[in-house]
Structures are given as structure tokens and as C-alpha cells.
Amino acid sequence: GEVIISSKSMATTYEDMEKAVFDGLSALE
């Protein structure tokens, strides 16, 4: 089934936010 996933990060910089998003996607596959 379709599942909507919402996540978030306290990152302040471009690099840290980019890492947070891609690390999350990797963990969730």
C-alpha cells in the first residue's frame, strides 16, 4: 500500500541537511 513518510532534521547547513535526507533514504531504502 501507499505510505506517506514525513521526517525532519535539525540541520542548519546545506551539507548537513543533504546528508540527513540521503542518510534517511538509505536507511529506509
All heavy atoms as atom14 arrays in JSON, in Angstrom:
{
  "sequence": "GEVIISSKSMATTYEDMEKAVFDGLSALE",
  "atom14_mask": [
    [1, 1, 1, 1, 0, 0, 0, 0, 0, 0, 0, 0, 0, 0],
    [1, 1, 1, 1, 1, 1, 1, 1, 1, 0, 0, 0, 0, 0],
    [1, 1, 1, 1, 1, 1, 1, 0, 0, 0, 0, 0, 0, 0],
    [1, 1, 1, 1, 1, 1, 1, 1, 0, 0, 0, 0, 0, 0],
    [1, 1, 1, 1, 1, 1, 1, 1, 0, 0, 0, 0, 0, 0],
    [1, 1, 1, 1, 1, 1, 0, 0, 0, 0, 0, 0, 0, 0],
    [1, 1, 1, 1, 1, 1, 0, 0, 0, 0, 0, 0, 0, 0],
    [1, 1, 1, 1, 1, 1, 1, 1, 1, 0, 0, 0, 0, 0],
    [1, 1, 1, 1, 1, 1, 0, 0, 0, 0, 0, 0, 0, 0],
    [1, 1, 1, 1, 1, 1, 1, 1, 0, 0, 0, 0, 0, 0],
    [1, 1, 1, 1, 1, 0, 0, 0, 0, 0, 0, 0, 0, 0],
    [1, 1, 1, 1, 1, 1, 1, 0, 0, 0, 0, 0, 0, 0],
    [1, 1, 1, 1, 1, 1, 1, 0, 0, 0, 0, 0, 0, 0],
    [1, 1, 1, 1, 1, 1, 1, 1, 1, 1, 1, 1, 0, 0],
    [1, 1, 1, 1, 1, 1, 1, 1, 1, 0, 0, 0, 0, 0],
    [1, 1, 1, 1, 1, 1, 1, 1, 0, 0, 0, 0, 0, 0],
    [1, 1, 1, 1, 1, 1, 1, 1, 0, 0, 0, 0, 0, 0],
    [1, 1, 1, 1, 1, 1, 1, 1, 1, 0, 0, 0, 0, 0],
    [1, 1, 1, 1, 1, 1, 1, 1, 1, 0, 0, 0, 0, 0],
    [1, 1, 1, 1, 1, 0, 0, 0, 0, 0, 0, 0, 0, 0],
    [1, 1, 1, 1, 1, 1, 1, 0, 0, 0, 0, 0, 0, 0],
    [1, 1, 1, 1, 1, 1, 1, 1, 1, 1, 1, 0, 0, 0],
    [1, 1, 1, 1, 1, 1, 1, 1, 0, 0, 0, 0, 0, 0],
    [1, 1, 1, 1, 0, 0, 0, 0, 0, 0, 0, 0, 0, 0],
    [1, 1, 1, 1, 1, 1, 1, 1, 0, 0, 0, 0, 0, 0],
    [1, 1, 1, 1, 1, 1, 0, 0, 0, 0, 0, 0, 0, 0],
    [1, 1, 1, 1, 1, 0, 0, 0, 0, 0, 0, 0, 0, 0],
    [1, 1, 1, 1, 1, 1, 1, 1, 0, 0, 0, 0, 0, 0],
    [1, 1, 1, 1, 1, 1, 1, 1, 1, 0, 0, 0, 0, 0]
  ],
  "atom14_positions": [
    [[0.82, -1.21, 0.0], [0.0, 0.0, 0.0], [0.85, 1.26, 0.0], [2.04, 1.23, 0.31], [0.0, 0.0, 0.0], [0.0, 0.0, 0.0], [0.0, 0.0, 0.0], [0.0, 0.0, 0.0], [0.0, 0.0, 0.0], [0.0, 0.0, 0.0], [0.0, 0.0, 0.0], [0.0, 0.0, 0.0], [0.0, 0.0, 0.0], [0.0, 0.0, 0.0]],
    [[0.22, 2.37, -0.37], [0.92, 3.65, -0.36], [1.11, 4.13, 1.08], [0.19, 4.07, 1.89], [0.13, 4.72, -1.12], [0.84, 6.06, -1.16], [-0.01, 7.19, -1.72], [-1.24, 7.09, -1.63], [0.57, 8.15, -2.22], [0.0, 0.0, 0.0], [0.0, 0.0, 0.0], [0.0, 0.0, 0.0], [0.0, 0.0, 0.0], [0.0, 0.0, 0.0]],
    [[2.31, 4.6, 1.39], [2.6, 5.12, 2.72], [3.29, 6.47, 2.57], [4.28, 6.61, 1.85], [3.52, 4.16, 3.52], [3.79, 4.73, 4.91], [2.89, 2.78, 3.64], [0.0, 0.0, 0.0], [0.0, 0.0, 0.0], [0.0, 0.0, 0.0], [0.0, 0.0, 0.0], [0.0, 0.0, 0.0], [0.0, 0.0, 0.0], [0.0, 0.0, 0.0]],
    [[2.74, 7.48, 3.24], [3.31, 8.82, 3.26], [4.27, 8.91, 4.45], [3.86, 8.69, 5.59], [2.22, 9.89, 3.4], [1.13, 9.73, 2.33], [2.83, 11.29, 3.39], [1.6, 9.95, 0.93], [0.0, 0.0, 0.0], [0.0, 0.0, 0.0], [0.0, 0.0, 0.0], [0.0, 0.0, 0.0], [0.0, 0.0, 0.0], [0.0, 0.0, 0.0]],
    [[5.53, 9.21, 4.18], [6.52, 9.32, 5.26], [6.99, 10.75, 5.4], [7.44, 11.38, 4.44], [7.71, 8.38, 5.03], [7.26, 6.92, 5.04], [8.78, 8.6, 6.11], [8.36, 5.92, 4.86], [0.0, 0.0, 0.0], [0.0, 0.0, 0.0], [0.0, 0.0, 0.0], [0.0, 0.0, 0.0], [0.0, 0.0, 0.0], [0.0, 0.0, 0.0]],
    [[6.87, 11.24, 6.63], [7.33, 12.58, 6.98], [8.52, 12.47, 7.92], [8.44, 11.76, 8.93], [6.18, 13.34, 7.67], [6.64, 14.49, 8.34], [0.0, 0.0, 0.0], [0.0, 0.0, 0.0], [0.0, 0.0, 0.0], [0.0, 0.0, 0.0], [0.0, 0.0, 0.0], [0.0, 0.0, 0.0], [0.0, 0.0, 0.0], [0.0, 0.0, 0.0]],
    [[9.6, 13.17, 7.61], [10.75, 13.17, 8.51], [11.25, 14.6, 8.67], [10.71, 15.53, 8.07], [11.87, 12.26, 7.99], [12.86, 12.08, 8.98], [0.0, 0.0, 0.0], [0.0, 0.0, 0.0], [0.0, 0.0, 0.0], [0.0, 0.0, 0.0], [0.0, 0.0, 0.0], [0.0, 0.0, 0.0], [0.0, 0.0, 0.0], [0.0, 0.0, 0.0]],
    [[12.28, 14.77, 9.49], [12.77, 16.11, 9.78], [14.2, 16.05, 10.3], [14.65, 15.01, 10.76], [11.87, 16.82, 10.79], [11.34, 15.97, 11.94], [10.14, 16.65, 12.58], [9.43, 15.78, 13.61], [8.93, 14.5, 13.17], [0.0, 0.0, 0.0], [0.0, 0.0, 0.0], [0.0, 0.0, 0.0], [0.0, 0.0, 0.0], [0.0, 0.0, 0.0]],
    [[14.86, 17.2, 10.24], [16.23, 17.29, 10.73], [16.47, 18.67, 11.32], [15.92, 19.67, 10.86], [17.24, 17.05, 9.6], [18.56, 17.33, 10.02], [0.0, 0.0, 0.0], [0.0, 0.0, 0.0], [0.0, 0.0, 0.0], [0.0, 0.0, 0.0], [0.0, 0.0, 0.0], [0.0, 0.0, 0.0], [0.0, 0.0, 0.0], [0.0, 0.0, 0.0]],
    [[17.32, 18.71, 12.35], [17.72, 19.97, 12.97], [18.92, 20.6, 12.26], [19.48, 21.57, 12.73], [18.06, 19.74, 14.44], [16.9, 19.24, 15.27], [17.4, 18.94, 16.98], [15.98, 18.02, 17.58], [0.0, 0.0, 0.0], [0.0, 0.0, 0.0], [0.0, 0.0, 0.0], [0.0, 0.0, 0.0], [0.0, 0.0, 0.0], [0.0, 0.0, 0.0]],
    [[19.3, 20.05, 11.13], [20.45, 20.57, 10.38], [20.29, 22.06, 10.08], [19.18, 22.53, 9.82], [20.62, 19.79, 9.08], [0.0, 0.0, 0.0], [0.0, 0.0, 0.0], [0.0, 0.0, 0.0], [0.0, 0.0, 0.0], [0.0, 0.0, 0.0], [0.0, 0.0, 0.0], [0.0, 0.0, 0.0], [0.0, 0.0, 0.0], [0.0, 0.0, 0.0]],
    [[21.4, 22.77, 10.11], [21.38, 24.2, 9.81], [22.08, 24.53, 8.5], [21.78, 25.54, 7.87], [22.06, 25.0, 10.94], [23.42, 24.55, 11.07], [21.33, 24.79, 12.26], [0.0, 0.0, 0.0], [0.0, 0.0, 0.0], [0.0, 0.0, 0.0], [0.0, 0.0, 0.0], [0.0, 0.0, 0.0], [0.0, 0.0, 0.0], [0.0, 0.0, 0.0]],
    [[23.0, 23.68, 8.06], [23.77, 23.96, 6.84], [23.26, 23.11, 5.68], [22.57, 22.11, 5.86], [25.26, 23.64, 7.03], [25.42, 22.21, 7.19], [25.81, 24.35, 8.26], [0.0, 0.0, 0.0], [0.0, 0.0, 0.0], [0.0, 0.0, 0.0], [0.0, 0.0, 0.0], [0.0, 0.0, 0.0], [0.0, 0.0, 0.0], [0.0, 0.0, 0.0]],
    [[23.62, 23.55, 4.5], [23.23, 22.82, 3.29], [23.77, 21.39, 3.33], [23.03, 20.42, 3.09], [23.79, 23.56, 2.06], [23.24, 23.1, 0.73], [22.35, 23.88, 0.03], [23.61, 21.86, 0.18], [21.84, 23.47, -1.2], [23.11, 21.44, -1.04], [22.22, 22.26, -1.73], [21.71, 21.85, -2.94], [0.0, 0.0, 0.0], [0.0, 0.0, 0.0]],
    [[25.05, 21.27, 3.67], [25.69, 19.95, 3.65], [25.08, 19.01, 4.68], [24.85, 17.83, 4.39], [27.19, 20.11, 3.92], [27.97, 20.85, 2.83], [27.76, 22.36, 2.85], [27.26, 22.88, 3.88], [28.09, 23.02, 1.83], [0.0, 0.0, 0.0], [0.0, 0.0, 0.0], [0.0, 0.0, 0.0], [0.0, 0.0, 0.0], [0.0, 0.0, 0.0]],
    [[24.81, 19.53, 5.87], [24.25, 18.67, 6.91], [22.82, 18.24, 6.58], [22.41, 17.11, 6.88], [24.28, 19.38, 8.27], [25.67, 19.45, 8.86], [26.58, 18.77, 8.35], [25.86, 20.21, 9.84], [0.0, 0.0, 0.0], [0.0, 0.0, 0.0], [0.0, 0.0, 0.0], [0.0, 0.0, 0.0], [0.0, 0.0, 0.0], [0.0, 0.0, 0.0]],
    [[22.03, 19.14, 5.98], [20.67, 18.76, 5.6], [20.7, 17.74, 4.47], [19.93, 16.76, 4.48], [19.87, 19.99, 5.18], [18.43, 19.67, 4.81], [17.47, 18.91, 6.17], [16.96, 20.37, 7.07], [0.0, 0.0, 0.0], [0.0, 0.0, 0.0], [0.0, 0.0, 0.0], [0.0, 0.0, 0.0], [0.0, 0.0, 0.0], [0.0, 0.0, 0.0]],
    [[21.57, 17.94, 3.51], [21.68, 16.98, 2.41], [22.03, 15.59, 2.94], [21.46, 14.58, 2.53], [22.73, 17.46, 1.41], [22.84, 16.61, 0.15], [23.81, 17.22, -0.84], [24.94, 17.59, -0.42], [23.45, 17.33, -2.02], [0.0, 0.0, 0.0], [0.0, 0.0, 0.0], [0.0, 0.0, 0.0], [0.0, 0.0, 0.0], [0.0, 0.0, 0.0]],
    [[22.96, 15.55, 3.88], [23.36, 14.28, 4.48], [22.18, 13.66, 5.25], [21.96, 12.44, 5.17], [24.55, 14.48, 5.43], [25.09, 13.2, 6.05], [26.32, 13.48, 6.9], [26.97, 12.19, 7.38], [26.08, 11.33, 8.17], [0.0, 0.0, 0.0], [0.0, 0.0, 0.0], [0.0, 0.0, 0.0], [0.0, 0.0, 0.0], [0.0, 0.0, 0.0]],
    [[21.45, 14.48, 5.98], [20.31, 13.97, 6.75], [19.28, 13.33, 5.84], [18.75, 12.24, 6.14], [19.67, 15.1, 7.56], [0.0, 0.0, 0.0], [0.0, 0.0, 0.0], [0.0, 0.0, 0.0], [0.0, 0.0, 0.0], [0.0, 0.0, 0.0], [0.0, 0.0, 0.0], [0.0, 0.0, 0.0], [0.0, 0.0, 0.0], [0.0, 0.0, 0.0]],
    [[18.98, 13.97, 4.73], [17.98, 13.43, 3.81], [18.46, 12.13, 3.18], [17.74, 11.11, 3.19], [17.64, 14.46, 2.71], [16.74, 13.83, 1.64], [16.95, 15.68, 3.32], [0.0, 0.0, 0.0], [0.0, 0.0, 0.0], [0.0, 0.0, 0.0], [0.0, 0.0, 0.0], [0.0, 0.0, 0.0], [0.0, 0.0, 0.0], [0.0, 0.0, 0.0]],
    [[19.68, 12.13, 2.65], [20.15, 10.93, 1.95], [20.46, 9.78, 2.9], [20.27, 8.61, 2.55], [21.34, 11.27, 1.06], [20.93, 11.96, -0.21], [21.09, 13.33, -0.38], [20.34, 11.23, -1.24], [20.69, 13.96, -1.55], [19.94, 11.84, -2.42], [20.1, 13.22, -2.57], [0.0, 0.0, 0.0], [0.0, 0.0, 0.0], [0.0, 0.0, 0.0]],
    [[20.93, 10.1, 4.1], [21.11, 9.03, 5.1], [19.78, 8.4, 5.44], [19.67, 7.18, 5.61], [21.77, 9.58, 6.36], [23.26, 9.81, 6.21], [23.82, 9.46, 5.15], [23.87, 10.36, 7.16], [0.0, 0.0, 0.0], [0.0, 0.0, 0.0], [0.0, 0.0, 0.0], [0.0, 0.0, 0.0], [0.0, 0.0, 0.0], [0.0, 0.0, 0.0]],
    [[18.74, 9.22, 5.57], [17.41, 8.71, 5.87], [16.88, 7.83, 4.75], [16.32, 6.75, 4.99], [0.0, 0.0, 0.0], [0.0, 0.0, 0.0], [0.0, 0.0, 0.0], [0.0, 0.0, 0.0], [0.0, 0.0, 0.0], [0.0, 0.0, 0.0], [0.0, 0.0, 0.0], [0.0, 0.0, 0.0], [0.0, 0.0, 0.0], [0.0, 0.0, 0.0]],
    [[17.05, 8.27, 3.52], [16.58, 7.48, 2.39], [17.32, 6.15, 2.31], [16.74, 5.1, 2.01], [16.76, 8.27, 1.09], [15.86, 9.49, 0.93], [16.22, 10.25, -0.35], [14.39, 9.07, 0.9], [0.0, 0.0, 0.0], [0.0, 0.0, 0.0], [0.0, 0.0, 0.0], [0.0, 0.0, 0.0], [0.0, 0.0, 0.0], [0.0, 0.0, 0.0]],
    [[18.61, 6.19, 2.59], [19.39, 4.96, 2.59], [18.9, 3.99, 3.67], [18.75, 2.79, 3.42], [20.87, 5.29, 2.8], [21.65, 4.11, 2.88], [0.0, 0.0, 0.0], [0.0, 0.0, 0.0], [0.0, 0.0, 0.0], [0.0, 0.0, 0.0], [0.0, 0.0, 0.0], [0.0, 0.0, 0.0], [0.0, 0.0, 0.0], [0.0, 0.0, 0.0]],
    [[18.63, 4.54, 4.85], [18.17, 3.69, 5.96], [16.81, 3.08, 5.67], [16.52, 1.95, 6.09], [18.12, 4.52, 7.25], [0.0, 0.0, 0.0], [0.0, 0.0, 0.0], [0.0, 0.0, 0.0], [0.0, 0.0, 0.0], [0.0, 0.0, 0.0], [0.0, 0.0, 0.0], [0.0, 0.0, 0.0], [0.0, 0.0, 0.0], [0.0, 0.0, 0.0]],
    [[15.97, 3.83, 4.97], [14.62, 3.35, 4.66], [14.56, 2.56, 3.35], [13.53, 1.94, 3.06], [13.66, 4.54, 4.56], [13.36, 5.28, 5.87], [12.68, 6.61, 5.57], [12.5, 4.43, 6.78], [0.0, 0.0, 0.0], [0.0, 0.0, 0.0], [0.0, 0.0, 0.0], [0.0, 0.0, 0.0], [0.0, 0.0, 0.0], [0.0, 0.0, 0.0]],
    [[15.64, 2.64, 2.57], [15.7, 2.03, 1.25], [14.58, 2.57, 0.36], [13.84, 1.84, -0.29], [15.66, 0.5, 1.33], [16.88, -0.09, 2.03], [16.93, -1.61, 2.01], [15.98, -2.24, 1.48], [17.91, -2.17, 2.51], [0.0, 0.0, 0.0], [0.0, 0.0, 0.0], [0.0, 0.0, 0.0], [0.0, 0.0, 0.0], [0.0, 0.0, 0.0]]
  ]
}
